[in-house]
Amino acid sequence: MLAGTTHEYLIRLRDVILEEREFTKVLDMESLAVAMQEKEELIQVLAHVNVLDEEDKEIAGIIRHENRRNAYLFKATLGWIRETMEFFGKRTVASSYSADAAMVSAKINGRLLSGQV
């Protein structure tokens, strides 16, 4: 990483966070991994900054906001994936009743993702 000012690092971090969201939306995992690596490096560099200029505080606020938006996107997407996996993992064949009204378990486990027909 090239040496720069705190302001330049903050601007680049903001841009990387925005790129990260776009890569996520289009499912470009390779570019996302590169962006995440650069983001981690920028955060490591900026971790040593103790005092921010007034103009940099505004950029830091934007970075915080955009990073939280990305976190919400990732969390919501993960929840959606979990719900989808639960749906496909549920029993698709309901239990039935025998002639004497006793419940009979289905022979099929009902998992759509089991790989069995």
PDB file of N, CA and C in Angstrom:
ATOM      1  N   MET A   1       0.846  -1.171   0.000  1.00  0.00           N
ATOM      2  CA  MET A   1       0.000   0.000   0.000  1.00  0.00           C
ATOM      3  C   MET A   1       0.894   1.238   0.000  1.00  0.00           C
ATOM      4  N   LEU A   2       0.579   2.190  -0.838  1.00  0.00           N
ATOM      5  CA  LEU A   2       1.357   3.407  -0.943  1.00  0.00           C
ATOM      6  C   LEU A   2       1.103   4.317   0.250  1.00  0.00           C
ATOM      7  N   ALA A   3       2.124   5.068   0.615  1.00  0.00           N
ATOM      8  CA  ALA A   3       1.972   6.022   1.724  1.00  0.00           C
ATOM      9  C   ALA A   3       1.089   7.171   1.275  1.00  0.00           C
ATOM     10  N   GLY A   4       0.263   7.666   2.187  1.00  0.00           N
ATOM     11  CA  GLY A   4      -0.620   8.771   1.863  1.00  0.00           C
ATOM     12  C   GLY A   4      -1.038   9.481   3.126  1.00  0.00           C
ATOM     13  N   THR A   5      -1.880  10.475   2.940  1.00  0.00           N
ATOM     14  CA  THR A   5      -2.372  11.212   4.099  1.00  0.00           C
ATOM     15  C   THR A   5      -3.584  10.490   4.676  1.00  0.00           C
ATOM     16  N   THR A   6      -3.932  10.862   5.887  1.00  0.00           N
ATOM     17  CA  THR A   6      -5.114  10.284   6.525  1.00  0.00           C
ATOM     18  C   THR A   6      -6.352  10.555   5.679  1.00  0.00           C
ATOM     19  N   HIS A   7      -6.441  11.750   5.137  1.00  0.00           N
ATOM     20  CA  HIS A   7      -7.580  12.108   4.295  1.00  0.00           C
ATOM     21  C   HIS A   7      -7.677  11.179   3.078  1.00  0.00           C
ATOM     22  N   GLU A   8      -6.552  10.921   2.425  1.00  0.00           N
ATOM     23  CA  GLU A   8      -6.547  10.033   1.254  1.00  0.00           C
ATOM     24  C   GLU A   8      -6.960   8.615   1.643  1.00  0.00           C
ATOM     25  N   TYR A   9      -6.478   8.143   2.794  1.00  0.00           N
ATOM     26  CA  TYR A   9      -6.859   6.804   3.263  1.00  0.00           C
ATOM     27  C   TYR A   9      -8.361   6.734   3.557  1.00  0.00           C
ATOM     28  N   LEU A  10      -8.905   7.772   4.154  1.00  0.00           N
ATOM     29  CA  LEU A  10     -10.335   7.780   4.461  1.00  0.00           C
ATOM     30  C   LEU A  10     -11.175   7.796   3.185  1.00  0.00           C
ATOM     31  N   ILE A  11     -10.769   8.601   2.211  1.00  0.00           N
ATOM     32  CA  ILE A  11     -11.486   8.648   0.930  1.00  0.00           C
ATOM     33  C   ILE A  11     -11.441   7.277   0.263  1.00  0.00           C
ATOM     34  N   ARG A  12     -10.264   6.653   0.263  1.00  0.00           N
ATOM     35  CA  ARG A  12     -10.145   5.330  -0.350  1.00  0.00           C
ATOM     36  C   ARG A  12     -10.975   4.291   0.397  1.00  0.00           C
ATOM     37  N   LEU A  13     -11.006   4.367   1.720  1.00  0.00           N
ATOM     38  CA  LEU A  13     -11.810   3.432   2.506  1.00  0.00           C
ATOM     39  C   LEU A  13     -13.287   3.581   2.167  1.00  0.00           C
ATOM     40  N   ARG A  14     -13.748   4.825   2.058  1.00  0.00           N
ATOM     41  CA  ARG A  14     -15.139   5.056   1.661  1.00  0.00           C
ATOM     42  C   ARG A  14     -15.428   4.428   0.302  1.00  0.00           C
ATOM     43  N   ASP A  15     -14.524   4.639  -0.649  1.00  0.00           N
ATOM     44  CA  ASP A  15     -14.714   4.090  -1.993  1.00  0.00           C
ATOM     45  C   ASP A  15     -14.707   2.558  -1.983  1.00  0.00           C
ATOM     46  N   VAL A  16     -13.836   1.974  -1.182  1.00  0.00           N
ATOM     47  CA  VAL A  16     -13.755   0.507  -1.112  1.00  0.00           C
ATOM     48  C   VAL A  16     -15.038  -0.062  -0.508  1.00  0.00           C
ATOM     49  N   ILE A  17     -15.587   0.605   0.489  1.00  0.00           N
ATOM     50  CA  ILE A  17     -16.838   0.142   1.103  1.00  0.00           C
ATOM     51  C   ILE A  17     -17.978   0.187   0.085  1.00  0.00           C
ATOM     52  N   LEU A  18     -18.014   1.229  -0.737  1.00  0.00           N
ATOM     53  CA  LEU A  18     -19.038   1.324  -1.779  1.00  0.00           C
ATOM     54  C   LEU A  18     -18.831   0.244  -2.851  1.00  0.00           C
ATOM     55  N   GLU A  19     -17.567   0.001  -3.207  1.00  0.00           N
ATOM     56  CA  GLU A  19     -17.261  -1.067  -4.167  1.00  0.00           C
ATOM     57  C   GLU A  19     -17.678  -2.425  -3.605  1.00  0.00           C
ATOM     58  N   GLU A  20     -17.412  -2.620  -2.321  1.00  0.00           N
ATOM     59  CA  GLU A  20     -17.754  -3.875  -1.650  1.00  0.00           C
ATOM     60  C   GLU A  20     -19.255  -4.170  -1.799  1.00  0.00           C
ATOM     61  N   ARG A  21     -20.093  -3.146  -1.613  1.00  0.00           N
ATOM     62  CA  ARG A  21     -21.535  -3.340  -1.753  1.00  0.00           C
ATOM     63  C   ARG A  21     -21.911  -3.704  -3.187  1.00  0.00           C
ATOM     64  N   GLU A  22     -21.304  -3.013  -4.153  1.00  0.00           N
ATOM     65  CA  GLU A  22     -21.628  -3.300  -5.550  1.00  0.00           C
ATOM     66  C   GLU A  22     -21.201  -4.717  -5.940  1.00  0.00           C
ATOM     67  N   PHE A  23     -20.022  -5.140  -5.497  1.00  0.00           N
ATOM     68  CA  PHE A  23     -19.560  -6.500  -5.785  1.00  0.00           C
ATOM     69  C   PHE A  23     -20.489  -7.523  -5.152  1.00  0.00           C
ATOM     70  N   THR A  24     -21.004  -7.208  -3.975  1.00  0.00           N
ATOM     71  CA  THR A  24     -21.922  -8.116  -3.293  1.00  0.00           C
ATOM     72  C   THR A  24     -23.225  -8.233  -4.074  1.00  0.00           C
ATOM     73  N   LYS A  25     -23.726  -7.109  -4.567  1.00  0.00           N
ATOM     74  CA  LYS A  25     -25.000  -7.122  -5.292  1.00  0.00           C
ATOM     75  C   LYS A  25     -24.929  -7.955  -6.569  1.00  0.00           C
ATOM     76  N   VAL A  26     -23.776  -7.931  -7.230  1.00  0.00           N
ATOM     77  CA  VAL A  26     -23.648  -8.687  -8.483  1.00  0.00           C
ATOM     78  C   VAL A  26     -22.988 -10.049  -8.262  1.00  0.00           C
ATOM     79  N   LEU A  27     -22.752 -10.400  -6.995  1.00  0.00           N
ATOM     80  CA  LEU A  27     -22.158 -11.681  -6.607  1.00  0.00           C
ATOM     81  C   LEU A  27     -20.786 -11.924  -7.240  1.00  0.00           C
ATOM     82  N   ASP A  28     -19.982 -10.866  -7.341  1.00  0.00           N
ATOM     83  CA  ASP A  28     -18.616 -10.971  -7.847  1.00  0.00           C
ATOM     84  C   ASP A  28     -17.705 -11.260  -6.647  1.00  0.00           C
ATOM     85  N   MET A  29     -17.585 -12.534  -6.299  1.00  0.00           N
ATOM     86  CA  MET A  29     -16.906 -12.929  -5.076  1.00  0.00           C
ATOM     87  C   MET A  29     -15.395 -12.685  -5.127  1.00  0.00           C
ATOM     88  N   GLU A  30     -14.794 -12.824  -6.288  1.00  0.00           N
ATOM     89  CA  GLU A  30     -13.348 -12.579  -6.396  1.00  0.00           C
ATOM     90  C   GLU A  30     -13.022 -11.113  -6.129  1.00  0.00           C
ATOM     91  N   SER A  31     -13.763 -10.223  -6.762  1.00  0.00           N
ATOM     92  CA  SER A  31     -13.542  -8.789  -6.555  1.00  0.00           C
ATOM     93  C   SER A  31     -13.900  -8.393  -5.130  1.00  0.00           C
ATOM     94  N   LEU A  32     -14.935  -9.030  -4.574  1.00  0.00           N
ATOM     95  CA  LEU A  32     -15.315  -8.749  -3.192  1.00  0.00           C
ATOM     96  C   LEU A  32     -14.186  -9.123  -2.234  1.00  0.00           C
ATOM     97  N   ALA A  33     -13.558 -10.268  -2.463  1.00  0.00           N
ATOM     98  CA  ALA A  33     -12.448 -10.698  -1.596  1.00  0.00           C
ATOM     99  C   ALA A  33     -11.286  -9.710  -1.674  1.00  0.00           C
ATOM    100  N   VAL A  34     -10.984  -9.212  -2.871  1.00  0.00           N
ATOM    101  CA  VAL A  34      -9.910  -8.231  -3.036  1.00  0.00           C
ATOM    102  C   VAL A  34     -10.271  -6.934  -2.305  1.00  0.00           C
ATOM    103  N   ALA A  35     -11.517  -6.498  -2.450  1.00  0.00           N
ATOM    104  CA  ALA A  35     -11.963  -5.270  -1.788  1.00  0.00           C
ATOM    105  C   ALA A  35     -11.920  -5.427  -0.269  1.00  0.00           C
ATOM    106  N   MET A  36     -12.318  -6.576   0.222  1.00  0.00           N
ATOM    107  CA  MET A  36     -12.291  -6.808   1.668  1.00  0.00           C
ATOM    108  C   MET A  36     -10.865  -6.805   2.203  1.00  0.00           C
ATOM    109  N   GLN A  37      -9.946  -7.357   1.438  1.00  0.00           N
ATOM    110  CA  GLN A  37      -8.543  -7.358   1.850  1.00  0.00           C
ATOM    111  C   GLN A  37      -8.002  -5.928   1.905  1.00  0.00           C
ATOM    112  N   GLU A  38      -8.325  -5.140   0.888  1.00  0.00           N
ATOM    113  CA  GLU A  38      -7.877  -3.743   0.873  1.00  0.00           C
ATOM    114  C   GLU A  38      -8.507  -2.967   2.030  1.00  0.00           C
ATOM    115  N   LYS A  39      -9.769  -3.231   2.302  1.00  0.00           N
ATOM    116  CA  LYS A  39     -10.453  -2.570   3.412  1.00  0.00           C
ATOM    117  C   LYS A  39      -9.757  -2.882   4.740  1.00  0.00           C
ATOM    118  N   GLU A  40      -9.401  -4.141   4.948  1.00  0.00           N
ATOM    119  CA  GLU A  40      -8.701  -4.528   6.176  1.00  0.00           C
ATOM    120  C   GLU A  40      -7.360  -3.816   6.298  1.00  0.00           C
ATOM    121  N   GLU A  41      -6.629  -3.711   5.190  1.00  0.00           N
ATOM    122  CA  GLU A  41      -5.341  -3.015   5.208  1.00  0.00           C
ATOM    123  C   GLU A  41      -5.524  -1.538   5.544  1.00  0.00           C
ATOM    124  N   LEU A  42      -6.534  -0.909   4.952  1.00  0.00           N
ATOM    125  CA  LEU A  42      -6.800   0.504   5.233  1.00  0.00           C
ATOM    126  C   LEU A  42      -7.179   0.714   6.696  1.00  0.00           C
ATOM    127  N   ILE A  43      -7.971  -0.180   7.227  1.00  0.00           N
ATOM    128  CA  ILE A  43      -8.364  -0.067   8.628  1.00  0.00           C
ATOM    129  C   ILE A  43      -7.155  -0.227   9.546  1.00  0.00           C
ATOM    130  N   GLN A  44      -6.238  -1.118   9.183  1.00  0.00           N
ATOM    131  CA  GLN A  44      -5.019  -1.292   9.980  1.00  0.00           C
ATOM    132  C   GLN A  44      -4.186  -0.012   9.986  1.00  0.00           C
ATOM    133  N   VAL A  45      -4.089   0.629   8.840  1.00  0.00           N
ATOM    134  CA  VAL A  45      -3.323   1.872   8.744  1.00  0.00           C
ATOM    135  C   VAL A  45      -4.015   2.973   9.549  1.00  0.00           C
ATOM    136  N   LEU A  46      -5.327   3.083   9.399  1.00  0.00           N
ATOM    137  CA  LEU A  46      -6.076   4.147  10.069  1.00  0.00           C
ATOM    138  C   LEU A  46      -6.224   3.915  11.572  1.00  0.00           C
ATOM    139  N   ALA A  47      -5.981   2.708  12.033  1.00  0.00           N
ATOM    140  CA  ALA A  47      -6.081   2.409  13.463  1.00  0.00           C
ATOM    141  C   ALA A  47      -5.057   3.192  14.280  1.00  0.00           C
ATOM    142  N   HIS A  48      -3.988   3.626  13.636  1.00  0.00           N
ATOM    143  CA  HIS A  48      -2.930   4.356  14.333  1.00  0.00           C
ATOM    144  C   HIS A  48      -3.180   5.864  14.395  1.00  0.00           C
ATOM    145  N   VAL A  49      -4.256   6.327  13.774  1.00  0.00           N
ATOM    146  CA  VAL A  49      -4.579   7.758  13.780  1.00  0.00           C
ATOM    147  C   VAL A  49      -5.312   8.075  15.082  1.00  0.00           C
ATOM    148  N   ASN A  50      -4.798   9.052  15.806  1.00  0.00           N
ATOM    149  CA  ASN A  50      -5.399   9.418  17.092  1.00  0.00           C
ATOM    150  C   ASN A  50      -6.320  10.628  16.993  1.00  0.00           C
ATOM    151  N   VAL A  51      -5.995  11.581  16.119  1.00  0.00           N
ATOM    152  CA  VAL A  51      -6.765  12.823  16.008  1.00  0.00           C
ATOM    153  C   VAL A  51      -7.137  13.034  14.541  1.00  0.00           C
ATOM    154  N   LEU A  52      -8.425  13.336  14.316  1.00  0.00           N
ATOM    155  CA  LEU A  52      -8.898  13.620  12.963  1.00  0.00           C
ATOM    156  C   LEU A  52      -9.134  15.112  12.790  1.00  0.00           C
ATOM    157  N   ASP A  53      -8.837  15.615  11.593  1.00  0.00           N
ATOM    158  CA  ASP A  53      -9.180  16.992  11.255  1.00  0.00           C
ATOM    159  C   ASP A  53     -10.698  17.098  11.148  1.00  0.00           C
ATOM    160  N   GLU A  54     -11.220  18.304  11.206  1.00  0.00           N
ATOM    161  CA  GLU A  54     -12.664  18.522  11.137  1.00  0.00           C
ATOM    162  C   GLU A  54     -13.245  18.010   9.819  1.00  0.00           C
ATOM    163  N   GLU A  55     -12.552  18.262   8.705  1.00  0.00           N
ATOM    164  CA  GLU A  55     -13.072  17.796   7.413  1.00  0.00           C
ATOM    165  C   GLU A  55     -13.057  16.279   7.334  1.00  0.00           C
ATOM    166  N   ASP A  56     -12.149  15.623   8.031  1.00  0.00           N
ATOM    167  CA  ASP A  56     -12.072  14.161   8.023  1.00  0.00           C
ATOM    168  C   ASP A  56     -13.148  13.530   8.898  1.00  0.00           C
ATOM    169  N   LYS A  57     -13.653  14.271   9.876  1.00  0.00           N
ATOM    170  CA  LYS A  57     -14.715  13.732  10.732  1.00  0.00           C
ATOM    171  C   LYS A  57     -15.990  13.490   9.931  1.00  0.00           C
ATOM    172  N   GLU A  58     -16.253  14.363   8.968  1.00  0.00           N
ATOM    173  CA  GLU A  58     -17.427  14.173   8.113  1.00  0.00           C
ATOM    174  C   GLU A  58     -17.277  12.904   7.270  1.00  0.00           C
ATOM    175  N   ILE A  59     -16.098  12.702   6.709  1.00  0.00           N
ATOM    176  CA  ILE A  59     -15.840  11.499   5.913  1.00  0.00           C
ATOM    177  C   ILE A  59     -15.939  10.251   6.791  1.00  0.00           C
ATOM    178  N   ALA A  60     -15.425  10.335   8.027  1.00  0.00           N
ATOM    179  CA  ALA A  60     -15.506   9.202   8.955  1.00  0.00           C
ATOM    180  C   ALA A  60     -16.961   8.857   9.255  1.00  0.00           C
ATOM    181  N   GLY A  61     -17.811   9.866   9.372  1.00  0.00           N
ATOM    182  CA  GLY A  61     -19.238   9.621   9.587  1.00  0.00           C
ATOM    183  C   GLY A  61     -19.874   8.928   8.398  1.00  0.00           C
ATOM    184  N   ILE A  62     -19.497   9.338   7.208  1.00  0.00           N
ATOM    185  CA  ILE A  62     -20.009   8.701   5.981  1.00  0.00           C
ATOM    186  C   ILE A  62     -19.539   7.252   5.929  1.00  0.00           C
ATOM    187  N   ILE A  63     -18.283   7.019   6.263  1.00  0.00           N
ATOM    188  CA  ILE A  63     -17.737   5.664   6.268  1.00  0.00           C
ATOM    189  C   ILE A  63     -18.515   4.790   7.249  1.00  0.00           C
ATOM    190  N   ARG A  64     -18.768   5.307   8.439  1.00  0.00           N
ATOM    191  CA  ARG A  64     -19.526   4.554   9.452  1.00  0.00           C
ATOM    192  C   ARG A  64     -20.908   4.194   8.917  1.00  0.00           C
ATOM    193  N   HIS A  65     -21.577   5.178   8.301  1.00  0.00           N
ATOM    194  CA  HIS A  65     -22.921   4.951   7.765  1.00  0.00           C
ATOM    195  C   HIS A  65     -22.912   3.896   6.653  1.00  0.00           C
ATOM    196  N   GLU A  66     -22.007   4.043   5.707  1.00  0.00           N
ATOM    197  CA  GLU A  66     -21.945   3.103   4.577  1.00  0.00           C
ATOM    198  C   GLU A  66     -21.547   1.700   5.031  1.00  0.00           C
ATOM    199  N   ASN A  67     -20.662   1.615   6.006  1.00  0.00           N
ATOM    200  CA  ASN A  67     -20.248   0.303   6.510  1.00  0.00           C
ATOM    201  C   ASN A  67     -21.414  -0.388   7.218  1.00  0.00           C
ATOM    202  N   ARG A  68     -22.220   0.391   7.938  1.00  0.00           N
ATOM    203  CA  ARG A  68     -23.405  -0.182   8.584  1.00  0.00           C
ATOM    204  C   ARG A  68     -24.429  -0.643   7.560  1.00  0.00           C
ATOM    205  N   ARG A  69     -24.550   0.100   6.470  1.00  0.00           N
ATOM    206  CA  ARG A  69     -25.456  -0.338   5.388  1.00  0.00           C
ATOM    207  C   ARG A  69     -25.012  -1.677   4.839  1.00  0.00           C
ATOM    208  N   ASN A  70     -23.697  -1.823   4.628  1.00  0.00           N
ATOM    209  CA  ASN A  70     -23.181  -3.101   4.132  1.00  0.00           C
ATOM    210  C   ASN A  70     -23.437  -4.215   5.142  1.00  0.00           C
ATOM    211  N   ALA A  71     -23.213  -3.919   6.417  1.00  0.00           N
ATOM    212  CA  ALA A  71     -23.439  -4.929   7.455  1.00  0.00           C
ATOM    213  C   ALA A  71     -24.897  -5.369   7.460  1.00  0.00           C
ATOM    214  N   TYR A  72     -25.817  -4.419   7.310  1.00  0.00           N
ATOM    215  CA  TYR A  72     -27.239  -4.760   7.263  1.00  0.00           C
ATOM    216  C   TYR A  72     -27.539  -5.619   6.040  1.00  0.00           C
ATOM    217  N   LEU A  73     -26.961  -5.274   4.898  1.00  0.00           N
ATOM    218  CA  LEU A  73     -27.152  -6.059   3.681  1.00  0.00           C
ATOM    219  C   LEU A  73     -26.684  -7.489   3.889  1.00  0.00           C
ATOM    220  N   PHE A  74     -25.493  -7.659   4.475  1.00  0.00           N
ATOM    221  CA  PHE A  74     -24.962  -8.999   4.703  1.00  0.00           C
ATOM    222  C   PHE A  74     -25.829  -9.774   5.694  1.00  0.00           C
ATOM    223  N   LYS A  75     -26.263  -9.115   6.756  1.00  0.00           N
ATOM    224  CA  LYS A  75     -27.076  -9.781   7.771  1.00  0.00           C
ATOM    225  C   LYS A  75     -28.436 -10.186   7.201  1.00  0.00           C
ATOM    226  N   ALA A  76     -29.066  -9.301   6.456  1.00  0.00           N
ATOM    227  CA  ALA A  76     -30.366  -9.605   5.862  1.00  0.00           C
ATOM    228  C   ALA A  76     -30.258 -10.732   4.842  1.00  0.00           C
ATOM    229  N   THR A  77     -29.201 -10.713   4.064  1.00  0.00           N
ATOM    230  CA  THR A  77     -28.996 -11.757   3.062  1.00  0.00           C
ATOM    231  C   THR A  77     -28.760 -13.109   3.724  1.00  0.00           C
ATOM    232  N   LEU A  78     -27.960 -13.117   4.777  1.00  0.00           N
ATOM    233  CA  LEU A  78     -27.712 -14.362   5.503  1.00  0.00           C
ATOM    234  C   LEU A  78     -29.014 -14.903   6.092  1.00  0.00           C
ATOM    235  N   GLY A  79     -29.842 -14.030   6.654  1.00  0.00           N
ATOM    236  CA  GLY A  79     -31.138 -14.464   7.182  1.00  0.00           C
ATOM    237  C   GLY A  79     -32.019 -15.053   6.096  1.00  0.00           C
ATOM    238  N   TRP A  80     -32.024 -14.421   4.922  1.00  0.00           N
ATOM    239  CA  TRP A  80     -32.814 -14.925   3.806  1.00  0.00           C
ATOM    240  C   TRP A  80     -32.322 -16.303   3.370  1.00  0.00           C
ATOM    241  N   ILE A  81     -31.003 -16.480   3.325  1.00  0.00           N
ATOM    242  CA  ILE A  81     -30.437 -17.776   2.939  1.00  0.00           C
ATOM    243  C   ILE A  81     -30.815 -18.841   3.962  1.00  0.00           C
ATOM    244  N   ARG A  82     -30.740 -18.501   5.252  1.00  0.00           N
ATOM    245  CA  ARG A  82     -31.125 -19.457   6.302  1.00  0.00           C
ATOM    246  C   ARG A  82     -32.589 -19.859   6.171  1.00  0.00           C
ATOM    247  N   GLU A  83     -33.458 -18.879   5.947  1.00  0.00           N
ATOM    248  CA  GLU A  83     -34.877 -19.181   5.782  1.00  0.00           C
ATOM    249  C   GLU A  83     -35.109 -20.091   4.576  1.00  0.00           C
ATOM    250  N   THR A  84     -34.403 -19.826   3.507  1.00  0.00           N
ATOM    251  CA  THR A  84     -34.540 -20.646   2.308  1.00  0.00           C
ATOM    252  C   THR A  84     -34.085 -22.078   2.577  1.00  0.00           C
ATOM    253  N   MET A  85     -32.951 -22.223   3.269  1.00  0.00           N
ATOM    254  CA  MET A  85     -32.455 -23.560   3.585  1.00  0.00           C
ATOM    255  C   MET A  85     -33.419 -24.294   4.516  1.00  0.00           C
ATOM    256  N   GLU A  86     -34.009 -23.574   5.471  1.00  0.00           N
ATOM    257  CA  GLU A  86     -34.997 -24.202   6.359  1.00  0.00           C
ATOM    258  C   GLU A  86     -36.209 -24.661   5.563  1.00  0.00           C
ATOM    259  N   PHE A  87     -36.642 -23.846   4.611  1.00  0.00           N
ATOM    260  CA  PHE A  87     -37.788 -24.226   3.793  1.00  0.00           C
ATOM    261  C   PHE A  87     -37.503 -25.514   3.033  1.00  0.00           C
ATOM    262  N   PHE A  88     -36.335 -25.591   2.395  1.00  0.00           N
ATOM    263  CA  PHE A  88     -36.014 -26.778   1.621  1.00  0.00           C
ATOM    264  C   PHE A  88     -35.706 -27.979   2.506  1.00  0.00           C
ATOM    265  N   GLY A  89     -35.424 -27.743   3.770  1.00  0.00           N
ATOM    266  CA  GLY A  89     -35.143 -28.841   4.681  1.00  0.00           C
ATOM    267  C   GLY A  89     -36.370 -29.371   5.386  1.00  0.00           C
ATOM    268  N   LYS A  90     -37.510 -28.698   5.239  1.00  0.00           N
ATOM    269  CA  LYS A  90     -38.725 -29.141   5.929  1.00  0.00           C
ATOM    270  C   LYS A  90     -39.332 -30.364   5.256  1.00  0.00           C
ATOM    271  N   ARG A  91     -40.111 -31.063   6.040  1.00  0.00           N
ATOM    272  CA  ARG A  91     -40.823 -32.241   5.541  1.00  0.00           C
ATOM    273  C   ARG A  91     -41.846 -31.790   4.512  1.00  0.00           C
ATOM    274  N   THR A  92     -41.798 -32.407   3.335  1.00  0.00           N
ATOM    275  CA  THR A  92     -42.754 -32.049   2.287  1.00  0.00           C
ATOM    276  C   THR A  92     -43.920 -33.011   2.227  1.00  0.00           C
ATOM    277  N   VAL A  93     -43.784 -34.174   2.871  1.00  0.00           N
ATOM    278  CA  VAL A  93     -44.866 -35.152   2.897  1.00  0.00           C
ATOM    279  C   VAL A  93     -45.394 -35.196   4.323  1.00  0.00           C
ATOM    280  N   ALA A  94     -46.650 -34.837   4.486  1.00  0.00           N
ATOM    281  CA  ALA A  94     -47.233 -34.819   5.823  1.00  0.00           C
ATOM    282  C   ALA A  94     -47.499 -36.240   6.302  1.00  0.00           C
ATOM    283  N   SER A  95     -47.504 -36.401   7.627  1.00  0.00           N
ATOM    284  CA  SER A  95     -47.881 -37.682   8.186  1.00  0.00           C
ATOM    285  C   SER A  95     -49.356 -37.912   7.892  1.00  0.00           C
ATOM    286  N   SER A  96     -49.743 -39.159   7.818  1.00  0.00           N
ATOM    287  CA  SER A  96     -51.147 -39.476   7.523  1.00  0.00           C
ATOM    288  C   SER A  96     -51.717 -40.327   8.652  1.00  0.00           C
ATOM    289  N   TYR A  97     -52.973 -40.700   8.501  1.00  0.00           N
ATOM    290  CA  TYR A  97     -53.659 -41.468   9.534  1.00  0.00           C
ATOM    291  C   TYR A  97     -54.042 -42.840   9.002  1.00  0.00           C
ATOM    292  N   SER A  98     -53.983 -43.833   9.879  1.00  0.00           N
ATOM    293  CA  SER A  98     -54.377 -45.192   9.504  1.00  0.00           C
ATOM    294  C   SER A  98     -55.888 -45.336   9.684  1.00  0.00           C
ATOM    295  N   ALA A  99     -56.401 -46.534   9.397  1.00  0.00           N
ATOM    296  CA  ALA A  99     -57.838 -46.788   9.506  1.00  0.00           C
ATOM    297  C   ALA A  99     -58.343 -46.611  10.930  1.00  0.00           C
ATOM    298  N   ASP A 100     -57.504 -46.879  11.928  1.00  0.00           N
ATOM    299  CA  ASP A 100     -57.934 -46.731  13.325  1.00  0.00           C
ATOM    300  C   ASP A 100     -57.561 -45.354  13.894  1.00  0.00           C
ATOM    301  N   ALA A 101     -57.312 -44.392  13.044  1.00  0.00           N
ATOM    302  CA  ALA A 101     -57.026 -43.002  13.396  1.00  0.00           C
ATOM    303  C   ALA A 101     -55.685 -42.804  14.088  1.00  0.00           C
ATOM    304  N   ALA A 102     -54.793 -43.766  13.981  1.00  0.00           N
ATOM    305  CA  ALA A 102     -53.443 -43.605  14.523  1.00  0.00           C
ATOM    306  C   ALA A 102     -52.589 -42.888  13.475  1.00  0.00           C
ATOM    307  N   MET A 103     -51.685 -42.046  13.949  1.00  0.00           N
ATOM    308  CA  MET A 103     -50.838 -41.305  13.022  1.00  0.00           C
ATOM    309  C   MET A 103     -49.770 -42.239  12.453  1.00  0.00           C
ATOM    310  N   VAL A 104     -49.589 -42.206  11.152  1.00  0.00           N
ATOM    311  CA  VAL A 104     -48.599 -43.027  10.460  1.00  0.00           C
ATOM    312  C   VAL A 104     -47.536 -42.093   9.907  1.00  0.00           C
ATOM    313  N   SER A 105     -46.295 -42.302  10.280  1.00  0.00           N
ATOM    314  CA  SER A 105     -45.212 -41.462   9.775  1.00  0.00           C
ATOM    315  C   SER A 105     -44.959 -41.786   8.317  1.00  0.00           C
ATOM    316  N   ALA A 106     -44.650 -40.776   7.581  1.00  0.00           N
ATOM    317  CA  ALA A 106     -44.346 -40.964   6.167  1.00  0.00           C
ATOM    318  C   ALA A 106     -43.005 -41.667   6.031  1.00  0.00           C
ATOM    319  N   LYS A 107     -42.868 -42.474   5.025  1.00  0.00           N
ATOM    320  CA  LYS A 107     -41.629 -43.194   4.786  1.00  0.00           C
ATOM    321  C   LYS A 107     -40.556 -42.285   4.191  1.00  0.00           C
ATOM    322  N   ILE A 108     -40.974 -41.169   3.602  1.00  0.00           N
ATOM    323  CA  ILE A 108     -40.058 -40.236   2.960  1.00  0.00           C
ATOM    324  C   ILE A 108     -39.698 -39.149   3.966  1.00  0.00           C
ATOM    325  N   ASN A 109     -38.424 -38.799   4.044  1.00  0.00           N
ATOM    326  CA  ASN A 109     -38.056 -37.767   5.011  1.00  0.00           C
ATOM    327  C   ASN A 109     -38.446 -36.367   4.550  1.00  0.00           C
ATOM    328  N   GLY A 110     -38.712 -36.185   3.262  1.00  0.00           N
ATOM    329  CA  GLY A 110     -39.225 -34.920   2.777  1.00  0.00           C
ATOM    330  C   GLY A 110     -38.176 -33.860   2.485  1.00  0.00           C
ATOM    331  N   ARG A 111     -36.943 -34.129   2.668  1.00  0.00           N
ATOM    332  CA  ARG A 111     -35.934 -33.115   2.420  1.00  0.00           C
ATOM    333  C   ARG A 111     -35.721 -32.956   0.912  1.00  0.00           C
ATOM    334  N   LEU A 112     -35.998 -31.763   0.429  1.00  0.00           N
ATOM    335  CA  LEU A 112     -35.831 -31.509  -1.005  1.00  0.00           C
ATOM    336  C   LEU A 112     -34.371 -31.509  -1.417  1.00  0.00           C
ATOM    337  N   LEU A 113     -33.476 -31.251  -0.468  1.00  0.00           N
ATOM    338  CA  LEU A 113     -32.058 -31.185  -0.782  1.00  0.00           C
ATOM    339  C   LEU A 113     -31.307 -32.457  -0.383  1.00  0.00           C
ATOM    340  N   SER A 114     -32.021 -33.537  -0.165  1.00  0.00           N
ATOM    341  CA  SER A 114     -31.371 -34.766   0.297  1.00  0.00           C
ATOM    342  C   SER A 114     -30.619 -35.481  -0.823  1.00  0.00           C
ATOM    343  N   GLY A 115     -30.960 -35.180  -2.053  1.00  0.00           N
ATOM    344  CA  GLY A 115     -30.310 -35.855  -3.175  1.00  0.00           C
ATOM    345  C   GLY A 115     -30.972 -37.171  -3.526  1.00  0.00           C
ATOM    346  N   GLN A 116     -32.018 -37.513  -2.824  1.00  0.00           N
ATOM    347  CA  GLN A 116     -32.741 -38.755  -3.083  1.00  0.00           C
ATOM    348  C   GLN A 116     -34.070 -38.449  -3.750  1.00  0.00           C
ATOM    349  N   VAL A 117     -34.482 -39.352  -4.601  1.00  0.00           N
ATOM    350  CA  VAL A 117     -35.756 -39.174  -5.298  1.00  0.00           C
ATOM    351  C   VAL A 117     -36.804 -40.033  -4.620  1.00  0.00           C
TER     352      VAL A 117
END
